[in-house]
Amino acid sequence: MDDLQGDFGASGETMQDMSPPGICEGYLMKRRKWPLKGWHKRYFVLEKGILRYSKNQYDSSKGKLNGSMDVSLAVMSVNRKARRIDLDTGDSLYHIKAKNHDLYYIWVTKLSAHRMYKRNEAAHVHNSLLQALSHSRKVLQGNGAMQDVVSYEY
């Protein structure tokens, strides 16, 4: 398992505390269509819901990326027998494969955790905005500033 390094938190981690899941990084195989059709070894880093990949670890450490994807926007399908994970955002499609079942399980688990984190983060921002707007409206109503505003309830 020397192809994978990561910060694997305790199994009791919850998304409610809004702390991002641990970073997951290592080599996976990525399918290419053209010009060099087939499976190619690439270095992947999953951090705060963003999956990035480079040709190798050195390129990744220097910030040279071949691609990146927000995993919360992707449809994820898995094939356990083939150890394959497909991520489709509509704009891009990644077919990635782990070299063994242990790595496959780790990546599926981490991808799922990061997808949930990003979705909860977006929901938290949305709820905070709604609360702020609701609070502002109540303050304005209390000051009489909204007397001329027509309110529609749906």
Protein backbone atom coordinates (compact mmCIF):
# COMPACT_ATOMS: atom_id res chain seq x y z
CA MET A 1 0.00 0.00 0.00
CA ASP A 2 2.93 2.31 -0.56
CA ASP A 3 1.05 3.90 -3.48
CA LEU A 4 -1.36 5.59 -1.09
CA GLN A 5 -0.69 8.13 1.59
CA GLY A 6 -3.49 9.74 3.48
CA ASP A 7 -4.87 11.17 6.63
CA PHE A 8 -7.55 8.67 7.56
CA GLY A 9 -9.64 10.11 10.36
CA ALA A 10 -11.44 8.12 13.00
CA SER A 11 -14.53 6.28 11.87
CA GLY A 12 -16.57 8.52 14.16
CA GLU A 13 -16.08 11.60 11.97
CA THR A 14 -19.30 13.45 11.26
CA MET A 15 -20.05 16.04 8.65
CA GLN A 16 -21.91 18.14 11.20
CA ASP A 17 -18.69 19.66 12.54
CA MET A 18 -17.93 20.85 8.97
CA SER A 19 -14.33 19.73 9.19
CA PRO A 20 -13.16 18.43 5.82
CA PRO A 21 -12.35 14.73 5.47
CA GLY A 22 -8.68 13.82 5.36
CA ILE A 23 -6.58 14.18 2.24
CA CYS A 24 -6.25 11.07 0.10
CA GLU A 25 -3.48 10.75 -2.43
CA GLY A 26 -1.74 8.11 -4.45
CA TYR A 27 -1.39 6.42 -7.80
CA LEU A 28 -4.41 5.14 -9.71
CA MET A 29 -4.89 4.12 -13.30
CA LYS A 30 -6.80 6.59 -15.49
CA ARG A 31 -8.31 5.59 -18.81
CA ARG A 32 -7.42 7.65 -21.84
CA LYS A 33 -9.24 7.67 -25.16
CA TRP A 34 -6.96 9.56 -27.48
CA PRO A 35 -4.16 9.70 -28.59
CA LEU A 36 -2.68 7.04 -26.30
CA LYS A 37 -5.70 4.83 -25.73
CA GLY A 38 -5.62 2.63 -22.62
CA TRP A 39 -4.92 2.84 -18.87
CA HIS A 40 -2.19 5.18 -17.65
CA LYS A 41 -0.76 5.53 -14.15
CA ARG A 42 -1.54 8.98 -12.69
CA TYR A 43 -1.04 10.59 -9.29
CA PHE A 44 -4.32 11.69 -7.68
CA VAL A 45 -4.92 14.04 -4.75
CA LEU A 46 -8.37 14.39 -3.14
CA GLU A 47 -8.63 17.40 -0.85
CA LYS A 48 -11.69 19.35 0.34
CA GLY A 49 -13.90 17.74 -2.29
CA ILE A 50 -11.61 18.49 -5.23
CA LEU A 51 -9.96 15.61 -7.09
CA ARG A 52 -6.76 16.63 -8.91
CA TYR A 53 -4.42 14.52 -10.94
CA SER A 54 -0.95 14.83 -12.40
CA LYS A 55 1.30 12.59 -14.41
CA ASN A 56 3.37 11.80 -11.29
CA GLN A 57 3.92 12.83 -7.66
CA TYR A 58 6.73 15.24 -8.57
CA ASP A 59 4.49 17.16 -11.00
CA SER A 60 1.76 17.25 -8.35
CA SER A 61 4.16 18.68 -5.74
CA LYS A 62 5.17 21.41 -8.23
CA GLY A 63 1.53 22.28 -8.93
CA LYS A 64 1.54 20.93 -12.50
CA LEU A 65 -1.94 19.46 -12.92
CA ASN A 66 -3.42 17.50 -15.80
CA GLY A 67 -6.98 17.96 -14.53
CA SER A 68 -9.27 18.56 -11.59
CA MET A 69 -12.89 17.95 -10.68
CA ASP A 70 -15.31 18.94 -7.92
CA VAL A 71 -16.51 15.49 -6.86
CA SER A 72 -19.74 16.86 -5.36
CA LEU A 73 -20.87 17.81 -8.88
CA ALA A 74 -20.07 14.38 -10.34
CA VAL A 75 -22.22 11.32 -10.68
CA MET A 76 -20.16 8.48 -9.21
CA SER A 77 -20.61 4.91 -10.37
CA VAL A 78 -18.50 2.02 -9.17
CA ASN A 79 -17.65 -1.46 -10.40
CA ARG A 80 -16.25 -3.42 -7.46
CA LYS A 81 -15.24 -6.48 -9.47
CA ALA A 82 -13.22 -4.38 -11.95
CA ARG A 83 -12.05 -2.02 -9.15
CA ARG A 84 -13.20 0.89 -11.30
CA ILE A 85 -14.70 4.26 -10.34
CA ASP A 86 -16.37 6.48 -12.93
CA LEU A 87 -16.89 10.17 -12.17
CA ASP A 88 -19.04 12.17 -14.60
CA THR A 89 -19.70 15.91 -14.24
CA GLY A 90 -21.24 16.26 -17.67
CA ASP A 91 -18.27 18.38 -18.77
CA SER A 92 -15.67 15.74 -17.98
CA LEU A 93 -15.60 12.01 -17.37
CA TYR A 94 -12.92 10.21 -15.38
CA HIS A 95 -12.55 6.45 -15.50
CA ILE A 96 -10.13 5.46 -12.73
CA LYS A 97 -9.04 2.06 -11.50
CA ALA A 98 -7.22 0.89 -8.37
CA LYS A 99 -4.54 -1.78 -8.55
CA ASN A 100 -6.06 -3.81 -5.69
CA HIS A 101 -9.29 -4.09 -3.70
CA ASP A 102 -7.87 -2.37 -0.60
CA LEU A 103 -6.99 0.78 -2.56
CA TYR A 104 -10.31 0.62 -4.36
CA TYR A 105 -12.22 0.52 -1.06
CA ILE A 106 -10.19 3.40 0.40
CA TRP A 107 -10.78 5.61 -2.64
CA VAL A 108 -14.51 4.83 -2.85
CA THR A 109 -14.87 5.60 0.86
CA LYS A 110 -12.89 8.84 0.64
CA LEU A 111 -14.62 10.01 -2.51
CA SER A 112 -18.00 9.42 -0.85
CA ALA A 113 -16.92 11.33 2.27
CA HIS A 114 -15.62 14.28 0.24
CA ARG A 115 -18.79 14.35 -1.90
CA MET A 116 -20.91 14.47 1.27
CA TYR A 117 -18.67 17.15 2.82
CA LYS A 118 -18.97 19.44 -0.22
CA ARG A 119 -22.74 18.95 -0.41
CA ASN A 120 -23.15 19.66 3.32
CA GLU A 121 -20.88 22.68 3.00
CA ALA A 122 -23.05 24.07 0.19
CA ALA A 123 -26.23 23.37 2.19
CA HIS A 124 -24.70 25.07 5.25
CA VAL A 125 -23.84 28.19 3.22
CA HIS A 126 -27.35 28.22 1.73
CA ASN A 127 -29.00 27.87 5.17
CA SER A 128 -26.77 30.59 6.64
CA LEU A 129 -27.75 32.94 3.82
CA LEU A 130 -31.45 32.21 4.35
CA GLN A 131 -31.10 32.84 8.10
CA ALA A 132 -29.28 36.13 7.48
CA LEU A 133 -31.96 37.26 5.02
CA SER A 134 -34.73 36.27 7.43
CA HIS A 135 -33.03 38.11 10.29
CA SER A 136 -32.56 41.24 8.12
CA ARG A 137 -36.22 41.20 7.14
CA LYS A 138 -37.31 40.95 10.79
CA VAL A 139 -35.01 43.85 11.74
CA LEU A 140 -36.36 45.98 8.90
CA GLN A 141 -39.96 45.12 9.81
CA GLY A 142 -39.24 46.01 13.42
CA ASN A 143 -37.92 49.42 12.36
CA GLY A 144 -40.93 50.06 10.14
CA ALA A 145 -38.70 50.18 7.04
CA MET A 146 -40.78 47.58 5.23
CA GLN A 147 -44.19 49.26 5.52
CA ASP A 148 -44.46 49.80 1.76
CA VAL A 149 -43.23 46.34 0.79
CA VAL A 150 -45.88 43.88 -0.34
CA SER A 151 -45.24 40.39 1.00
CA TYR A 152 -46.34 37.33 -0.90
CA GLU A 153 -46.60 33.98 0.87
CA TYR A 154 -46.53 30.88 -1.34
